Amino acid sequence: MGKRKSRTKPAPNKRMDKLDAVFCCPFCNHGSSVECRIDMKNLIGEASCRICLESFSTTATALTEPIDIYSEWIDECERVNNLEDDGA
């Protein structure tokens, strides 16, 4: 006599939380005012603040997300601030 086959439970699908698309402005510190847009046709990513009208644009790839554009903007701001501190 053979054993009964045991059924294995399917693994639960891991749901990925969506990343933010609106962020806090590094210039005016107004929350949820920076919107990031990605133009895949021209491969350009742009982040702009609705309040103080500051903007930043960078190159984009197929894997670029809005958080990547915002992070590059923050990194560029820090780099410019460090250059000003060293020069002064």
PDB file of N, CA and C in Angstrom:
ATOM      1  N   MET A   1       0.831  -1.169   0.000  1.00  0.00           N
ATOM      2  CA  MET A   1       0.000   0.000   0.000  1.00  0.00           C
ATOM      3  C   MET A   1       0.883   1.242   0.000  1.00  0.00           C
ATOM      4  N   GLY A   2       0.426   2.230  -0.749  1.00  0.00           N
ATOM      5  CA  GLY A   2       1.182   3.475  -0.854  1.00  0.00           C
ATOM      6  C   GLY A   2       0.629   4.554   0.070  1.00  0.00           C
ATOM      7  N   LYS A   3       1.457   5.537   0.339  1.00  0.00           N
ATOM      8  CA  LYS A   3       1.032   6.661   1.166  1.00  0.00           C
ATOM      9  C   LYS A   3       0.198   7.634   0.340  1.00  0.00           C
ATOM     10  N   ARG A   4      -0.599   8.399   1.028  1.00  0.00           N
ATOM     11  CA  ARG A   4      -1.321   9.462   0.335  1.00  0.00           C
ATOM     12  C   ARG A   4      -0.368  10.621   0.088  1.00  0.00           C
ATOM     13  N   LYS A   5      -0.556  11.264  -1.040  1.00  0.00           N
ATOM     14  CA  LYS A   5       0.291  12.407  -1.356  1.00  0.00           C
ATOM     15  C   LYS A   5      -0.149  13.607  -0.532  1.00  0.00           C
ATOM     16  N   SER A   6       0.818  14.256   0.070  1.00  0.00           N
ATOM     17  CA  SER A   6       0.489  15.456   0.845  1.00  0.00           C
ATOM     18  C   SER A   6       0.517  16.661  -0.097  1.00  0.00           C
ATOM     19  N   ARG A   7      -0.414  17.548   0.129  1.00  0.00           N
ATOM     20  CA  ARG A   7      -0.467  18.755  -0.696  1.00  0.00           C
ATOM     21  C   ARG A   7       0.400  19.826  -0.054  1.00  0.00           C
ATOM     22  N   THR A   8       1.214  20.446  -0.852  1.00  0.00           N
ATOM     23  CA  THR A   8       2.021  21.537  -0.342  1.00  0.00           C
ATOM     24  C   THR A   8       1.267  22.841  -0.552  1.00  0.00           C
ATOM     25  N   LYS A   9       1.323  23.677   0.450  1.00  0.00           N
ATOM     26  CA  LYS A   9       0.658  24.969   0.342  1.00  0.00           C
ATOM     27  C   LYS A   9       1.496  25.877  -0.550  1.00  0.00           C
ATOM     28  N   PRO A  10       0.850  26.613  -1.456  1.00  0.00           N
ATOM     29  CA  PRO A  10       1.627  27.529  -2.295  1.00  0.00           C
ATOM     30  C   PRO A  10       2.201  28.665  -1.450  1.00  0.00           C
ATOM     31  N   ALA A  11       3.380  29.105  -1.807  1.00  0.00           N
ATOM     32  CA  ALA A  11       4.034  30.179  -1.073  1.00  0.00           C
ATOM     33  C   ALA A  11       3.240  31.470  -1.249  1.00  0.00           C
ATOM     34  N   PRO A  12       3.073  32.232  -0.176  1.00  0.00           N
ATOM     35  CA  PRO A  12       2.330  33.486  -0.310  1.00  0.00           C
ATOM     36  C   PRO A  12       3.119  34.486  -1.158  1.00  0.00           C
ATOM     37  N   ASN A  13       2.405  35.234  -1.982  1.00  0.00           N
ATOM     38  CA  ASN A  13       3.058  36.237  -2.820  1.00  0.00           C
ATOM     39  C   ASN A  13       3.497  37.413  -1.951  1.00  0.00           C
ATOM     40  N   LYS A  14       4.745  37.782  -2.110  1.00  0.00           N
ATOM     41  CA  LYS A  14       5.255  38.924  -1.364  1.00  0.00           C
ATOM     42  C   LYS A  14       4.862  40.176  -2.130  1.00  0.00           C
ATOM     43  N   ARG A  15       4.125  41.032  -1.460  1.00  0.00           N
ATOM     44  CA  ARG A  15       3.653  42.245  -2.093  1.00  0.00           C
ATOM     45  C   ARG A  15       4.645  43.364  -1.817  1.00  0.00           C
ATOM     46  N   MET A  16       5.094  44.005  -2.878  1.00  0.00           N
ATOM     47  CA  MET A  16       6.018  45.113  -2.743  1.00  0.00           C
ATOM     48  C   MET A  16       5.223  46.396  -2.543  1.00  0.00           C
ATOM     49  N   ASP A  17       5.594  47.166  -1.521  1.00  0.00           N
ATOM     50  CA  ASP A  17       4.952  48.447  -1.304  1.00  0.00           C
ATOM     51  C   ASP A  17       5.423  49.427  -2.374  1.00  0.00           C
ATOM     52  N   LYS A  18       4.513  50.282  -2.819  1.00  0.00           N
ATOM     53  CA  LYS A  18       4.876  51.268  -3.822  1.00  0.00           C
ATOM     54  C   LYS A  18       5.750  52.339  -3.192  1.00  0.00           C
ATOM     55  N   LEU A  19       6.720  52.799  -3.955  1.00  0.00           N
ATOM     56  CA  LEU A  19       7.591  53.856  -3.494  1.00  0.00           C
ATOM     57  C   LEU A  19       6.905  55.203  -3.683  1.00  0.00           C
ATOM     58  N   ASP A  20       7.310  56.181  -2.888  1.00  0.00           N
ATOM     59  CA  ASP A  20       6.721  57.510  -2.983  1.00  0.00           C
ATOM     60  C   ASP A  20       7.063  58.157  -4.321  1.00  0.00           C
ATOM     61  N   ALA A  21       6.184  59.062  -4.769  1.00  0.00           N
ATOM     62  CA  ALA A  21       6.433  59.836  -5.977  1.00  0.00           C
ATOM     63  C   ALA A  21       6.450  61.325  -5.680  1.00  0.00           C
ATOM     64  N   VAL A  22       6.060  61.725  -4.475  1.00  0.00           N
ATOM     65  CA  VAL A  22       6.129  63.128  -4.053  1.00  0.00           C
ATOM     66  C   VAL A  22       6.976  63.207  -2.782  1.00  0.00           C
ATOM     67  N   PHE A  23       7.788  64.277  -2.698  1.00  0.00           N
ATOM     68  CA  PHE A  23       8.777  64.362  -1.635  1.00  0.00           C
ATOM     69  C   PHE A  23       8.820  65.767  -1.046  1.00  0.00           C
ATOM     70  N   CYS A  24       9.644  65.935  -0.019  1.00  0.00           N
ATOM     71  CA  CYS A  24       9.858  67.221   0.636  1.00  0.00           C
ATOM     72  C   CYS A  24      10.921  68.001  -0.145  1.00  0.00           C
ATOM     73  N   CYS A  25      10.678  69.290  -0.340  1.00  0.00           N
ATOM     74  CA  CYS A  25      11.602  70.138  -1.102  1.00  0.00           C
ATOM     75  C   CYS A  25      12.847  70.448  -0.262  1.00  0.00           C
ATOM     76  N   PRO A  26      14.056  70.304  -0.834  1.00  0.00           N
ATOM     77  CA  PRO A  26      15.269  70.611  -0.079  1.00  0.00           C
ATOM     78  C   PRO A  26      15.503  72.110   0.087  1.00  0.00           C
ATOM     79  N   PHE A  27      14.801  72.945  -0.665  1.00  0.00           N
ATOM     80  CA  PHE A  27      15.010  74.393  -0.585  1.00  0.00           C
ATOM     81  C   PHE A  27      13.995  75.067   0.329  1.00  0.00           C
ATOM     82  N   CYS A  28      12.700  74.778   0.145  1.00  0.00           N
ATOM     83  CA  CYS A  28      11.678  75.449   0.957  1.00  0.00           C
ATOM     84  C   CYS A  28      11.154  74.561   2.089  1.00  0.00           C
ATOM     85  N   ASN A  29      11.598  73.297   2.159  1.00  0.00           N
ATOM     86  CA  ASN A  29      11.205  72.340   3.205  1.00  0.00           C
ATOM     87  C   ASN A  29       9.695  72.145   3.303  1.00  0.00           C
ATOM     88  N   HIS A  30       8.998  72.379   2.234  1.00  0.00           N
ATOM     89  CA  HIS A  30       7.551  72.165   2.210  1.00  0.00           C
ATOM     90  C   HIS A  30       7.308  70.689   1.878  1.00  0.00           C
ATOM     91  N   GLY A  31       6.591  69.980   2.738  1.00  0.00           N
ATOM     92  CA  GLY A  31       6.349  68.558   2.544  1.00  0.00           C
ATOM     93  C   GLY A  31       5.429  68.280   1.367  1.00  0.00           C
ATOM     94  N   SER A  32       5.667  67.230   0.672  1.00  0.00           N
ATOM     95  CA  SER A  32       4.848  66.756  -0.450  1.00  0.00           C
ATOM     96  C   SER A  32       4.693  67.795  -1.549  1.00  0.00           C
ATOM     97  N   SER A  33       5.740  68.554  -1.827  1.00  0.00           N
ATOM     98  CA  SER A  33       5.648  69.563  -2.876  1.00  0.00           C
ATOM     99  C   SER A  33       6.495  69.228  -4.091  1.00  0.00           C
ATOM    100  N   VAL A  34       7.405  68.271  -3.986  1.00  0.00           N
ATOM    101  CA  VAL A  34       8.269  67.911  -5.105  1.00  0.00           C
ATOM    102  C   VAL A  34       7.661  66.720  -5.841  1.00  0.00           C
ATOM    103  N   GLU A  35       7.418  66.914  -7.124  1.00  0.00           N
ATOM    104  CA  GLU A  35       6.903  65.855  -7.984  1.00  0.00           C
ATOM    105  C   GLU A  35       8.001  65.405  -8.927  1.00  0.00           C
ATOM    106  N   CYS A  36       8.099  64.118  -9.131  1.00  0.00           N
ATOM    107  CA  CYS A  36       9.094  63.579 -10.047  1.00  0.00           C
ATOM    108  C   CYS A  36       8.396  62.991 -11.262  1.00  0.00           C
ATOM    109  N   ARG A  37       8.882  63.364 -12.438  1.00  0.00           N
ATOM    110  CA  ARG A  37       8.339  62.844 -13.691  1.00  0.00           C
ATOM    111  C   ARG A  37       9.472  62.241 -14.499  1.00  0.00           C
ATOM    112  N   ILE A  38       9.153  61.157 -15.194  1.00  0.00           N
ATOM    113  CA  ILE A  38      10.147  60.481 -16.027  1.00  0.00           C
ATOM    114  C   ILE A  38       9.623  60.439 -17.450  1.00  0.00           C
ATOM    115  N   ASP A  39      10.390  61.007 -18.367  1.00  0.00           N
ATOM    116  CA  ASP A  39      10.051  60.990 -19.787  1.00  0.00           C
ATOM    117  C   ASP A  39      10.900  59.901 -20.437  1.00  0.00           C
ATOM    118  N   MET A  40      10.290  58.735 -20.649  1.00  0.00           N
ATOM    119  CA  MET A  40      11.043  57.606 -21.189  1.00  0.00           C
ATOM    120  C   MET A  40      11.367  57.786 -22.667  1.00  0.00           C
ATOM    121  N   LYS A  41      10.609  58.620 -23.362  1.00  0.00           N
ATOM    122  CA  LYS A  41      10.872  58.850 -24.780  1.00  0.00           C
ATOM    123  C   LYS A  41      12.204  59.574 -24.961  1.00  0.00           C
ATOM    124  N   ASN A  42      12.432  60.591 -24.130  1.00  0.00           N
ATOM    125  CA  ASN A  42      13.668  61.373 -24.220  1.00  0.00           C
ATOM    126  C   ASN A  42      14.696  60.988 -23.164  1.00  0.00           C
ATOM    127  N   LEU A  43      14.371  59.998 -22.324  1.00  0.00           N
ATOM    128  CA  LEU A  43      15.247  59.518 -21.256  1.00  0.00           C
ATOM    129  C   LEU A  43      15.684  60.643 -20.320  1.00  0.00           C
ATOM    130  N   ILE A  44      14.701  61.423 -19.860  1.00  0.00           N
ATOM    131  CA  ILE A  44      14.957  62.520 -18.939  1.00  0.00           C
ATOM    132  C   ILE A  44      14.071  62.355 -17.714  1.00  0.00           C
ATOM    133  N   GLY A  45      14.660  62.504 -16.535  1.00  0.00           N
ATOM    134  CA  GLY A  45      13.914  62.506 -15.288  1.00  0.00           C
ATOM    135  C   GLY A  45      13.950  63.906 -14.699  1.00  0.00           C
ATOM    136  N   GLU A  46      12.805  64.408 -14.254  1.00  0.00           N
ATOM    137  CA  GLU A  46      12.739  65.768 -13.736  1.00  0.00           C
ATOM    138  C   GLU A  46      12.024  65.787 -12.399  1.00  0.00           C
ATOM    139  N   ALA A  47      12.594  66.520 -11.456  1.00  0.00           N
ATOM    140  CA  ALA A  47      11.975  66.749 -10.159  1.00  0.00           C
ATOM    141  C   ALA A  47      11.769  68.247 -10.022  1.00  0.00           C
ATOM    142  N   SER A  48      10.536  68.667  -9.662  1.00  0.00           N
ATOM    143  CA  SER A  48      10.275  70.096  -9.526  1.00  0.00           C
ATOM    144  C   SER A  48       9.350  70.344  -8.339  1.00  0.00           C
ATOM    145  N   CYS A  49       9.590  71.478  -7.669  1.00  0.00           N
ATOM    146  CA  CYS A  49       8.795  71.876  -6.517  1.00  0.00           C
ATOM    147  C   CYS A  49       7.664  72.783  -6.982  1.00  0.00           C
ATOM    148  N   ARG A  50       6.463  72.513  -6.492  1.00  0.00           N
ATOM    149  CA  ARG A  50       5.310  73.334  -6.866  1.00  0.00           C
ATOM    150  C   ARG A  50       5.285  74.652  -6.112  1.00  0.00           C
ATOM    151  N   ILE A  51       5.959  74.745  -4.980  1.00  0.00           N
ATOM    152  CA  ILE A  51       5.902  75.929  -4.143  1.00  0.00           C
ATOM    153  C   ILE A  51       6.968  76.956  -4.551  1.00  0.00           C
ATOM    154  N   CYS A  52       8.238  76.553  -4.510  1.00  0.00           N
ATOM    155  CA  CYS A  52       9.318  77.501  -4.800  1.00  0.00           C
ATOM    156  C   CYS A  52       9.805  77.432  -6.247  1.00  0.00           C
ATOM    157  N   LEU A  53       9.250  76.533  -7.046  1.00  0.00           N
ATOM    158  CA  LEU A  53       9.529  76.398  -8.479  1.00  0.00           C
ATOM    159  C   LEU A  53      10.972  76.013  -8.792  1.00  0.00           C
ATOM    160  N   GLU A  54      11.690  75.440  -7.826  1.00  0.00           N
ATOM    161  CA  GLU A  54      13.018  74.892  -8.096  1.00  0.00           C
ATOM    162  C   GLU A  54      12.845  73.591  -8.862  1.00  0.00           C
ATOM    163  N   SER A  55      13.814  73.277  -9.732  1.00  0.00           N
ATOM    164  CA  SER A  55      13.705  72.028 -10.489  1.00  0.00           C
ATOM    165  C   SER A  55      15.092  71.435 -10.699  1.00  0.00           C
ATOM    166  N   PHE A  56      15.093  70.157 -11.022  1.00  0.00           N
ATOM    167  CA  PHE A  56      16.316  69.408 -11.271  1.00  0.00           C
ATOM    168  C   PHE A  56      16.004  68.371 -12.331  1.00  0.00           C
ATOM    169  N   SER A  57      16.889  68.200 -13.293  1.00  0.00           N
ATOM    170  CA  SER A  57      16.676  67.174 -14.305  1.00  0.00           C
ATOM    171  C   SER A  57      17.957  66.365 -14.473  1.00  0.00           C
ATOM    172  N   THR A  58      17.781  65.119 -14.828  1.00  0.00           N
ATOM    173  CA  THR A  58      18.896  64.193 -14.977  1.00  0.00           C
ATOM    174  C   THR A  58      18.539  63.158 -16.035  1.00  0.00           C
ATOM    175  N   THR A  59      19.510  62.366 -16.418  1.00  0.00           N
ATOM    176  CA  THR A  59      19.242  61.301 -17.375  1.00  0.00           C
ATOM    177  C   THR A  59      18.536  60.148 -16.669  1.00  0.00           C
ATOM    178  N   ALA A  60      17.714  59.453 -17.416  1.00  0.00           N
ATOM    179  CA  ALA A  60      16.953  58.337 -16.856  1.00  0.00           C
ATOM    180  C   ALA A  60      17.216  57.082 -17.682  1.00  0.00           C
ATOM    181  N   THR A  61      17.019  55.945 -17.047  1.00  0.00           N
ATOM    182  CA  THR A  61      17.111  54.659 -17.735  1.00  0.00           C
ATOM    183  C   THR A  61      15.791  53.925 -17.543  1.00  0.00           C
ATOM    184  N   ALA A  62      15.716  52.725 -18.067  1.00  0.00           N
ATOM    185  CA  ALA A  62      14.495  51.935 -17.941  1.00  0.00           C
ATOM    186  C   ALA A  62      14.240  51.539 -16.482  1.00  0.00           C
ATOM    187  N   LEU A  63      15.278  51.522 -15.672  1.00  0.00           N
ATOM    188  CA  LEU A  63      15.143  51.107 -14.275  1.00  0.00           C
ATOM    189  C   LEU A  63      14.975  52.272 -13.314  1.00  0.00           C
ATOM    190  N   THR A  64      14.985  53.489 -13.811  1.00  0.00           N
ATOM    191  CA  THR A  64      14.896  54.673 -12.953  1.00  0.00           C
ATOM    192  C   THR A  64      13.514  54.804 -12.340  1.00  0.00           C
ATOM    193  N   GLU A  65      13.489  55.098 -11.045  1.00  0.00           N
ATOM    194  CA  GLU A  65      12.257  55.342 -10.300  1.00  0.00           C
ATOM    195  C   GLU A  65      12.289  56.788  -9.805  1.00  0.00           C
ATOM    196  N   PRO A  66      11.124  57.340  -9.412  1.00  0.00           N
ATOM    197  CA  PRO A  66      11.112  58.722  -8.909  1.00  0.00           C
ATOM    198  C   PRO A  66      12.033  58.952  -7.709  1.00  0.00           C
ATOM    199  N   ILE A  67      12.169  57.973  -6.836  1.00  0.00           N
ATOM    200  CA  ILE A  67      13.052  58.135  -5.683  1.00  0.00           C
ATOM    201  C   ILE A  67      14.508  58.276  -6.114  1.00  0.00           C
ATOM    202  N   ASP A  68      14.876  57.669  -7.227  1.00  0.00           N
ATOM    203  CA  ASP A  68      16.241  57.791  -7.738  1.00  0.00           C
ATOM    204  C   ASP A  68      16.530  59.223  -8.175  1.00  0.00           C
ATOM    205  N   ILE A  69      15.570  59.845  -8.837  1.00  0.00           N
ATOM    206  CA  ILE A  69      15.739  61.225  -9.293  1.00  0.00           C
ATOM    207  C   ILE A  69      15.846  62.161  -8.100  1.00  0.00           C
ATOM    208  N   TYR A  70      14.980  61.968  -7.118  1.00  0.00           N
ATOM    209  CA  TYR A  70      15.010  62.807  -5.917  1.00  0.00           C
ATOM    210  C   TYR A  70      16.332  62.617  -5.172  1.00  0.00           C
ATOM    211  N   SER A  71      16.806  61.396  -5.067  1.00  0.00           N
ATOM    212  CA  SER A  71      18.073  61.121  -4.374  1.00  0.00           C
ATOM    213  C   SER A  71      19.241  61.793  -5.077  1.00  0.00           C
ATOM    214  N   GLU A  72      19.241  61.775  -6.408  1.00  0.00           N
ATOM    215  CA  GLU A  72      20.304  62.445  -7.154  1.00  0.00           C
ATOM    216  C   GLU A  72      20.261  63.951  -6.916  1.00  0.00           C
ATOM    217  N   TRP A  73      19.058  64.511  -6.808  1.00  0.00           N
ATOM    218  CA  TRP A  73      18.906  65.942  -6.543  1.00  0.00           C
ATOM    219  C   TRP A  73      19.479  66.287  -5.175  1.00  0.00           C
ATOM    220  N   ILE A  74      19.152  65.487  -4.170  1.00  0.00           N
ATOM    221  CA  ILE A  74      19.679  65.721  -2.821  1.00  0.00           C
ATOM    222  C   ILE A  74      21.198  65.596  -2.814  1.00  0.00           C
ATOM    223  N   ASP A  75      21.742  64.581  -3.495  1.00  0.00           N
ATOM    224  CA  ASP A  75      23.190  64.398  -3.557  1.00  0.00           C
ATOM    225  C   ASP A  75      23.866  65.586  -4.233  1.00  0.00           C
ATOM    226  N   GLU A  76      23.248  66.093  -5.309  1.00  0.00           N
ATOM    227  CA  GLU A  76      23.816  67.244  -6.015  1.00  0.00           C
ATOM    228  C   GLU A  76      23.787  68.493  -5.134  1.00  0.00           C
ATOM    229  N   CYS A  77      22.716  68.688  -4.378  1.00  0.00           N
ATOM    230  CA  CYS A  77      22.641  69.822  -3.454  1.00  0.00           C
ATOM    231  C   CYS A  77      23.745  69.740  -2.404  1.00  0.00           C
ATOM    232  N   GLU A  78      23.970  68.556  -1.854  1.00  0.00           N
ATOM    233  CA  GLU A  78      25.024  68.377  -0.852  1.00  0.00           C
ATOM    234  C   GLU A  78      26.401  68.620  -1.452  1.00  0.00           C
ATOM    235  N   ARG A  79      26.600  68.155  -2.695  1.00  0.00           N
ATOM    236  CA  ARG A  79      27.889  68.337  -3.349  1.00  0.00           C
ATOM    237  C   ARG A  79      28.166  69.827  -3.570  1.00  0.00           C
ATOM    238  N   VAL A  80      27.174  70.586  -4.017  1.00  0.00           N
ATOM    239  CA  VAL A  80      27.338  72.012  -4.249  1.00  0.00           C
ATOM    240  C   VAL A  80      27.582  72.737  -2.926  1.00  0.00           C
ATOM    241  N   ASN A  81      26.878  72.360  -1.881  1.00  0.00           N
ATOM    242  CA  ASN A  81      27.078  72.992  -0.565  1.00  0.00           C
ATOM    243  C   ASN A  81      28.477  72.721  -0.028  1.00  0.00           C
ATOM    244  N   ASN A  82      29.004  71.530  -0.250  1.00  0.00           N
ATOM    245  CA  ASN A  82      30.360  71.210   0.203  1.00  0.00           C
ATOM    246  C   ASN A  82      31.392  72.001  -0.581  1.00  0.00           C
ATOM    247  N   LEU A  83      31.162  72.225  -1.873  1.00  0.00           N
ATOM    248  CA  LEU A  83      32.099  73.022  -2.677  1.00  0.00           C
ATOM    249  C   LEU A  83      32.096  74.473  -2.200  1.00  0.00           C
ATOM    250  N   GLU A  84      30.923  74.999  -1.847  1.00  0.00           N
ATOM    251  CA  GLU A  84      30.853  76.381  -1.359  1.00  0.00           C
ATOM    252  C   GLU A  84      31.560  76.520  -0.018  1.00  0.00           C
ATOM    253  N   ASP A  85      31.418  75.508   0.855  1.00  0.00           N
ATOM    254  CA  ASP A  85      32.071  75.549   2.164  1.00  0.00           C
ATOM    255  C   ASP A  85      33.579  75.500   2.017  1.00  0.00           C
ATOM    256  N   ASP A  86      34.091  74.704   1.085  1.00  0.00           N
ATOM    257  CA  ASP A  86      35.524  74.592   0.880  1.00  0.00           C
ATOM    258  C   ASP A  86      36.099  75.865   0.263  1.00  0.00           C
ATOM    259  N   GLY A  87      35.335  76.520  -0.600  1.00  0.00           N
ATOM    260  CA  GLY A  87      35.799  77.724  -1.265  1.00  0.00           C
ATOM    261  C   GLY A  87      35.743  78.962  -0.395  1.00  0.00           C
ATOM    262  N   ALA A  88      34.877  78.971   0.581  1.00  0.00           N
ATOM    263  CA  ALA A  88      34.716  80.180   1.418  1.00  0.00           C
ATOM    264  C   ALA A  88      35.718  80.255   2.531  1.00  0.00           C
TER     265      ALA A  88
END
